C-alpha atoms as a PDB file:
ATOM      1  CA  MET A   1       0.027   0.136   0.026  1.00  0.00           C
ATOM      2  CA  ARG A   2       1.120   3.351  -0.852  1.00  0.00           C
ATOM      3  CA  PHE A   3       0.394   6.513   1.231  1.00  0.00           C
ATOM      4  CA  SER A   4       0.496  10.095   0.077  1.00  0.00           C
ATOM      5  CA  VAL A   5       0.017  13.121   2.429  1.00  0.00           C
ATOM      6  CA  GLU A   6      -0.870  16.625   1.215  1.00  0.00           C
ATOM      7  CA  GLY A   7      -1.148  19.808   3.287  1.00  0.00           C
ATOM      8  CA  THR A   8      -4.006  21.555   3.015  1.00  0.00           C
ATOM      9  CA  GLN A   9      -5.257  24.923   4.825  1.00  0.00           C
ATOM     10  CA  GLU A  10      -7.120  22.807   7.565  1.00  0.00           C
ATOM     11  CA  GLY A  11      -4.820  20.038   8.256  1.00  0.00           C
ATOM     12  CA  LEU A  12      -3.715  17.050   6.032  1.00  0.00           C
ATOM     13  CA  ARG A  13      -5.378  15.214   3.220  1.00  0.00           C
ATOM     14  CA  VAL A  14      -4.145  11.149   3.140  1.00  0.00           C
ATOM     15  CA  ARG A  15      -4.530   8.754   0.294  1.00  0.00           C
ATOM     16  CA  MET A  16      -3.956   5.090   0.326  1.00  0.00           C
ATOM     17  CA  ARG A  17      -3.226   3.157  -2.749  1.00  0.00           C
ATOM     18  CA  PHE A  18      -2.946  -0.503  -3.137  1.00  0.00           C
ATOM     19  CA  GLU A  19       0.027  -1.150  -5.395  1.00  0.00           C
ATOM     20  CA  GLN A  20       0.499  -4.764  -4.649  1.00  0.00           C
ATOM     21  CA  TYR A  21      -2.781  -6.216  -6.178  1.00  0.00           C
ATOM     22  CA  ARG A  22      -3.429  -3.012  -8.202  1.00  0.00           C
ATOM     23  CA  ARG A  23      -3.822  -4.990 -11.667  1.00  0.00           C
ATOM     24  CA  ARG A  24      -5.937  -7.970 -10.108  1.00  0.00           C
ATOM     25  CA  LEU A  25      -8.591  -5.757  -8.474  1.00  0.00           C
ATOM     26  CA  LEU A  26      -8.818  -3.612 -11.739  1.00  0.00           C
ATOM     27  CA  SER A  27      -9.313  -6.760 -13.649  1.00  0.00           C
ATOM     28  CA  THR A  28     -11.784  -8.070 -11.337  1.00  0.00           C
ATOM     29  CA  ARG A  29     -13.888  -4.608 -11.661  1.00  0.00           C
ATOM     30  CA  ILE A  30     -14.041  -5.080 -15.322  1.00  0.00           C
ATOM     31  CA  VAL A  31     -14.894  -8.659 -15.332  1.00  0.00           C
ATOM     32  CA  LEU A  32     -17.842  -7.839 -12.803  1.00  0.00           C
ATOM     33  CA  ALA A  33     -18.883  -4.704 -15.279  1.00  0.00           C
ATOM     34  CA  VAL A  34     -18.929  -7.139 -18.087  1.00  0.00           C
ATOM     35  CA  LEU A  35     -21.041  -9.703 -16.572  1.00  0.00           C
ATOM     36  CA  ALA A  36     -23.443  -7.032 -15.353  1.00  0.00           C
ATOM     37  CA  VAL A  37     -23.930  -5.430 -18.620  1.00  0.00           C
ATOM     38  CA  GLN A  38     -24.552  -9.000 -20.315  1.00  0.00           C
ATOM     39  CA  GLY A  39     -27.021  -9.589 -17.575  1.00  0.00           C
ATOM     40  CA  ILE A  40     -28.766  -6.387 -17.981  1.00  0.00           C
ATOM     41  CA  VAL A  41     -29.017  -6.472 -21.708  1.00  0.00           C
ATOM     42  CA  ILE A  42     -30.276 -10.213 -21.991  1.00  0.00           C
ATOM     43  CA  GLY A  43     -32.387  -9.823 -19.183  1.00  0.00           C
ATOM     44  CA  LEU A  44     -34.298  -6.825 -19.963  1.00  0.00           C
ATOM     45  CA  TRP A  45     -34.672  -8.312 -23.620  1.00  0.00           C
ATOM     46  CA  ALA A  46     -36.011 -11.446 -22.529  1.00  0.00           C
ATOM     47  CA  THR A  47     -38.304  -9.926 -19.835  1.00  0.00           C
ATOM     48  CA  ILE A  48     -39.545  -6.909 -21.895  1.00  0.00           C
ATOM     49  CA  ALA A  49     -39.913  -8.613 -25.403  1.00  0.00           C
ATOM     50  CA  PRO A  50     -39.654 -12.515 -25.016  1.00  0.00           C
ATOM     51  CA  HIS A  51     -40.813 -13.566 -28.165  1.00  0.00           C
ATOM     52  CA  SER A  52     -38.389 -11.025 -29.996  1.00  0.00           C
ATOM     53  CA  TRP A  53     -35.676 -12.441 -27.843  1.00  0.00           C
ATOM     54  CA  TYR A  54     -36.763 -16.194 -28.564  1.00  0.00           C
ATOM     55  CA  THR A  55     -36.915 -15.479 -32.267  1.00  0.00           C
ATOM     56  CA  SER A  56     -33.539 -13.497 -32.625  1.00  0.00           C
ATOM     57  CA  PHE A  57     -31.166 -14.132 -29.814  1.00  0.00           C
ATOM     58  CA  PRO A  58     -28.339 -13.415 -30.144  1.00  0.00           C
ATOM     59  CA  GLY A  59     -29.127 -11.133 -33.056  1.00  0.00           C
ATOM     60  CA  PHE A  60     -26.466 -10.761 -36.067  1.00  0.00           C
ATOM     61  CA  GLY A  61     -28.598 -13.132 -37.990  1.00  0.00           C
ATOM     62  CA  MET A  62     -28.213 -15.877 -35.585  1.00  0.00           C
ATOM     63  CA  HIS A  63     -31.014 -17.578 -34.069  1.00  0.00           C
ATOM     64  CA  TRP A  64     -29.856 -19.993 -31.043  1.00  0.00           C
ATOM     65  CA  ILE A  65     -33.146 -20.247 -28.779  1.00  0.00           C
ATOM     66  CA  SER A  66     -35.631 -20.854 -31.599  1.00  0.00           C
ATOM     67  CA  ALA A  67     -33.730 -23.555 -32.977  1.00  0.00           C
ATOM     68  CA  ASP A  68     -33.799 -25.384 -29.686  1.00  0.00           C
ATOM     69  CA  GLY A  69     -37.552 -25.872 -29.371  1.00  0.00           C
ATOM     70  CA  PRO A  70     -41.006 -24.344 -29.279  1.00  0.00           C
ATOM     71  CA  TYR A  71     -41.582 -20.954 -27.748  1.00  0.00           C
ATOM     72  CA  ASN A  72     -42.592 -20.683 -24.215  1.00  0.00           C
ATOM     73  CA  HIS A  73     -43.519 -17.113 -22.944  1.00  0.00           C
ATOM     74  CA  HIS A  74     -43.296 -17.838 -19.069  1.00  0.00           C
ATOM     75  CA  LEU A  75     -40.025 -19.728 -19.684  1.00  0.00           C
ATOM     76  CA  ALA A  76     -38.541 -16.707 -21.732  1.00  0.00           C
ATOM     77  CA  GLY A  77     -39.779 -14.303 -19.089  1.00  0.00           C
ATOM     78  CA  ASP A  78     -38.233 -16.574 -16.299  1.00  0.00           C
ATOM     79  CA  VAL A  79     -34.921 -16.557 -18.207  1.00  0.00           C
ATOM     80  CA  GLY A  80     -34.959 -12.672 -18.516  1.00  0.00           C
ATOM     81  CA  ALA A  81     -35.582 -12.359 -14.530  1.00  0.00           C
ATOM     82  CA  PHE A  82     -32.945 -14.859 -14.014  1.00  0.00           C
ATOM     83  CA  PHE A  83     -30.340 -12.713 -16.010  1.00  0.00           C
ATOM     84  CA  LEU A  84     -31.616  -9.765 -14.189  1.00  0.00           C
ATOM     85  CA  GLY A  85     -31.077 -11.296 -10.798  1.00  0.00           C
ATOM     86  CA  LEU A  86     -27.633 -12.131 -11.322  1.00  0.00           C
ATOM     87  CA  ALA A  87     -27.041  -8.827 -12.871  1.00  0.00           C
ATOM     88  CA  ALA A  88     -28.311  -7.377  -9.545  1.00  0.00           C
ATOM     89  CA  VAL A  89     -25.765  -9.612  -7.415  1.00  0.00           C
ATOM     90  CA  THR A  90     -22.877  -8.400  -9.900  1.00  0.00           C
ATOM     91  CA  ILE A  91     -24.008  -4.651  -9.638  1.00  0.00           C
ATOM     92  CA  ALA A  92     -23.817  -5.395  -5.815  1.00  0.00           C
ATOM     93  CA  ALA A  93     -20.481  -6.651  -5.849  1.00  0.00           C
ATOM     94  CA  LEU A  94     -19.293  -3.577  -7.825  1.00  0.00           C
ATOM     95  CA  VAL A  95     -21.415  -1.275  -5.068  1.00  0.00           C
ATOM     96  CA  PHE A  96     -19.963  -3.269  -1.959  1.00  0.00           C
ATOM     97  CA  ASN A  97     -16.704  -2.917  -3.438  1.00  0.00           C
ATOM     98  CA  SER A  98     -15.409  -6.175  -1.631  1.00  0.00           C
ATOM     99  CA  THR A  99     -13.450  -9.119  -2.917  1.00  0.00           C
ATOM    100  CA  ALA A 100     -15.839 -11.297  -0.962  1.00  0.00           C
ATOM    101  CA  ALA A 101     -18.627  -9.927  -2.825  1.00  0.00           C
ATOM    102  CA  ALA A 102     -17.131 -10.384  -6.264  1.00  0.00           C
ATOM    103  CA  ARG A 103     -16.401 -13.859  -5.276  1.00  0.00           C
ATOM    104  CA  ILE A 104     -19.926 -14.645  -4.651  1.00  0.00           C
ATOM    105  CA  ALA A 105     -20.925 -12.974  -7.791  1.00  0.00           C
ATOM    106  CA  GLY A 106     -18.456 -15.209  -9.513  1.00  0.00           C
ATOM    107  CA  ILE A 107     -20.387 -18.439  -7.785  1.00  0.00           C
ATOM    108  CA  GLY A 108     -23.431 -17.283  -8.735  1.00  0.00           C
ATOM    109  CA  TRP A 109     -22.363 -17.167 -12.535  1.00  0.00           C
ATOM    110  CA  LEU A 110     -20.714 -20.407 -12.327  1.00  0.00           C
ATOM    111  CA  VAL A 111     -23.746 -22.231 -10.980  1.00  0.00           C
ATOM    112  CA  PHE A 112     -25.642 -21.014 -14.054  1.00  0.00           C
ATOM    113  CA  SER A 113     -22.989 -21.222 -16.679  1.00  0.00           C
ATOM    114  CA  VAL A 114     -21.277 -24.868 -16.242  1.00  0.00           C
ATOM    115  CA  PRO A 115     -24.832 -26.495 -16.652  1.00  0.00           C
ATOM    116  CA  HIS A 116     -25.630 -24.161 -19.235  1.00  0.00           C
ATOM    117  CA  PHE A 117     -22.614 -25.025 -21.117  1.00  0.00           C
ATOM    118  CA  VAL A 118     -23.017 -28.745 -20.701  1.00  0.00           C
ATOM    119  CA  TYR A 119     -26.499 -28.423 -21.947  1.00  0.00           C
ATOM    120  CA  HIS A 120     -25.775 -26.959 -25.122  1.00  0.00           C
ATOM    121  CA  ALA A 121     -22.484 -29.081 -25.497  1.00  0.00           C
ATOM    122  CA  PHE A 122     -24.541 -32.275 -25.669  1.00  0.00           C
ATOM    123  CA  HIS A 123     -27.688 -30.940 -27.390  1.00  0.00           C
ATOM    124  CA  PRO A 124     -26.732 -29.438 -30.336  1.00  0.00           C
ATOM    125  CA  PRO A 125     -29.965 -27.787 -32.254  1.00  0.00           C
ATOM    126  CA  MET A 126     -30.754 -29.413 -35.601  1.00  0.00           C
ATOM    127  CA  ASP A 127     -31.496 -26.086 -37.368  1.00  0.00           C
ATOM    128  CA  THR A 128     -28.188 -24.295 -36.368  1.00  0.00           C
ATOM    129  CA  SER A 129     -25.151 -24.255 -38.881  1.00  0.00           C
ATOM    130  CA  GLY A 130     -21.762 -25.635 -37.304  1.00  0.00           C
ATOM    131  CA  ILE A 131     -20.408 -22.102 -37.001  1.00  0.00           C
ATOM    132  CA  SER A 132     -23.351 -20.604 -35.225  1.00  0.00           C
ATOM    133  CA  PHE A 133     -22.992 -23.718 -32.804  1.00  0.00           C
ATOM    134  CA  ALA A 134     -19.392 -23.151 -32.107  1.00  0.00           C
ATOM    135  CA  ILE A 135     -19.706 -19.584 -31.426  1.00  0.00           C
ATOM    136  CA  SER A 136     -22.590 -20.486 -28.982  1.00  0.00           C
ATOM    137  CA  LEU A 137     -20.330 -22.839 -27.257  1.00  0.00           C
ATOM    138  CA  ILE A 138     -17.542 -20.161 -27.011  1.00  0.00           C
ATOM    139  CA  ALA A 139     -20.169 -17.640 -25.627  1.00  0.00           C
ATOM    140  CA  ALA A 140     -21.235 -20.240 -22.800  1.00  0.00           C
ATOM    141  CA  GLY A 141     -17.787 -21.183 -22.229  1.00  0.00           C
ATOM    142  CA  LEU A 142     -16.780 -17.645 -21.806  1.00  0.00           C
ATOM    143  CA  LEU A 143     -19.334 -17.210 -18.907  1.00  0.00           C
ATOM    144  CA  ILE A 144     -17.588 -19.934 -17.418  1.00  0.00           C
ATOM    145  CA  VAL A 145     -14.150 -17.971 -17.599  1.00  0.00           C
ATOM    146  CA  LEU A 146     -15.626 -14.958 -16.311  1.00  0.00           C
ATOM    147  CA  GLY A 147     -17.353 -16.555 -13.478  1.00  0.00           C
ATOM    148  CA  LEU A 148     -13.883 -18.280 -12.655  1.00  0.00           C
ATOM    149  CA  ALA A 149     -12.032 -14.794 -13.021  1.00  0.00           C
ATOM    150  CA  CYS A 150     -14.288 -13.570 -10.316  1.00  0.00           C
ATOM    151  CA  LEU A 151     -13.303 -16.370  -7.961  1.00  0.00           C
ATOM    152  CA  LEU A 152      -9.710 -16.473  -8.946  1.00  0.00           C
ATOM    153  CA  LEU A 153      -8.566 -13.053  -9.423  1.00  0.00           C
ATOM    154  CA  PRO A 154      -9.098 -11.108  -6.415  1.00  0.00           C
ATOM    155  CA  PRO A 155      -6.468 -11.541  -3.727  1.00  0.00           C
ATOM    156  CA  ARG A 156      -7.123 -13.576  -0.507  1.00  0.00           C
ATOM    157  CA  GLY A 157      -8.964 -12.074   2.179  1.00  0.00           C
ATOM    158  CA  ASP A 158     -11.641  -9.461   2.164  1.00  0.00           C
ATOM    159  CA  ILE A 159     -10.264  -6.203   0.726  1.00  0.00           C
ATOM    160  CA  PRO A 160     -11.786  -3.192  -1.361  1.00  0.00           C
ATOM    161  CA  LEU A 161     -11.923  -3.693  -4.922  1.00  0.00           C
ATOM    162  CA  SER A 162     -10.747  -0.226  -5.338  1.00  0.00           C
ATOM    163  CA  ASP A 163      -8.523   2.335  -3.262  1.00  0.00           C
ATOM    164  CA  PRO A 164     -10.118   3.611  -0.248  1.00  0.00           C
ATOM    165  CA  ALA A 165     -11.501   7.093  -0.467  1.00  0.00           C
ATOM    166  CA  PRO A 166      -9.071   9.703   0.976  1.00  0.00           C
ATOM    167  CA  PHE A 167      -9.627  11.313   4.402  1.00  0.00           C
ATOM    168  CA  ASN A 168      -8.881  14.429   5.970  1.00  0.00           C
ATOM    169  CA  VAL A 169      -7.110  15.043   9.250  1.00  0.00           C
ATOM    170  CA  LYS A 170      -7.893  18.517  10.893  1.00  0.00           C
ATOM    171  CA  PHE A 171      -5.752  20.342  13.111  1.00  0.00           C
ATOM    172  CA  PRO A 172      -7.341  22.711  15.773  1.00  0.00           C
ATOM    173  CA  ARG A 173      -6.879  26.377  15.098  1.00  0.00           C
ATOM    174  CA  ARG A 174      -4.779  28.321  17.306  1.00  0.00           C
ATOM    175  CA  ARG A 175      -6.555  31.008  19.538  1.00  0.00           C
ATOM    176  CA  ARG A 176      -4.948  34.416  19.511  1.00  0.00           C
END
């Protein structure tokens, strides 16, 4: 940890910076942000427009979900709510600013992504091209990698993901 002290009119301003784990903590915050954005985008899409999500996910001319079975409004809405729940836990990890919270978010994403990947690996849709199927497996596998990153990147212990806020030490004024 690096300290810097700056004199002000009222006293001292003290800042602390984590030098030892700086890259690991920043990487953890980036991974959490990526997972949160992904959860929000998919979650809102599947919750607000479930039929659109079913027929056109992930976009770019690919149709991964509609190739896997008939449309079910309830299931599509539940998937959206599930992604929003994971996004909320991930955002909470960013707000609470703790490595323990980051690990908890990582566990949540792993609990989802490992069975999700296994399902897709062993149940390729008939109407999907080989390239589209390969991309879907890479995308599902990426969720596992990001979840593992939330578990393995943060250093041991429960420390803040970002540097602590600076604080001021005030000195009493002399009376004349």
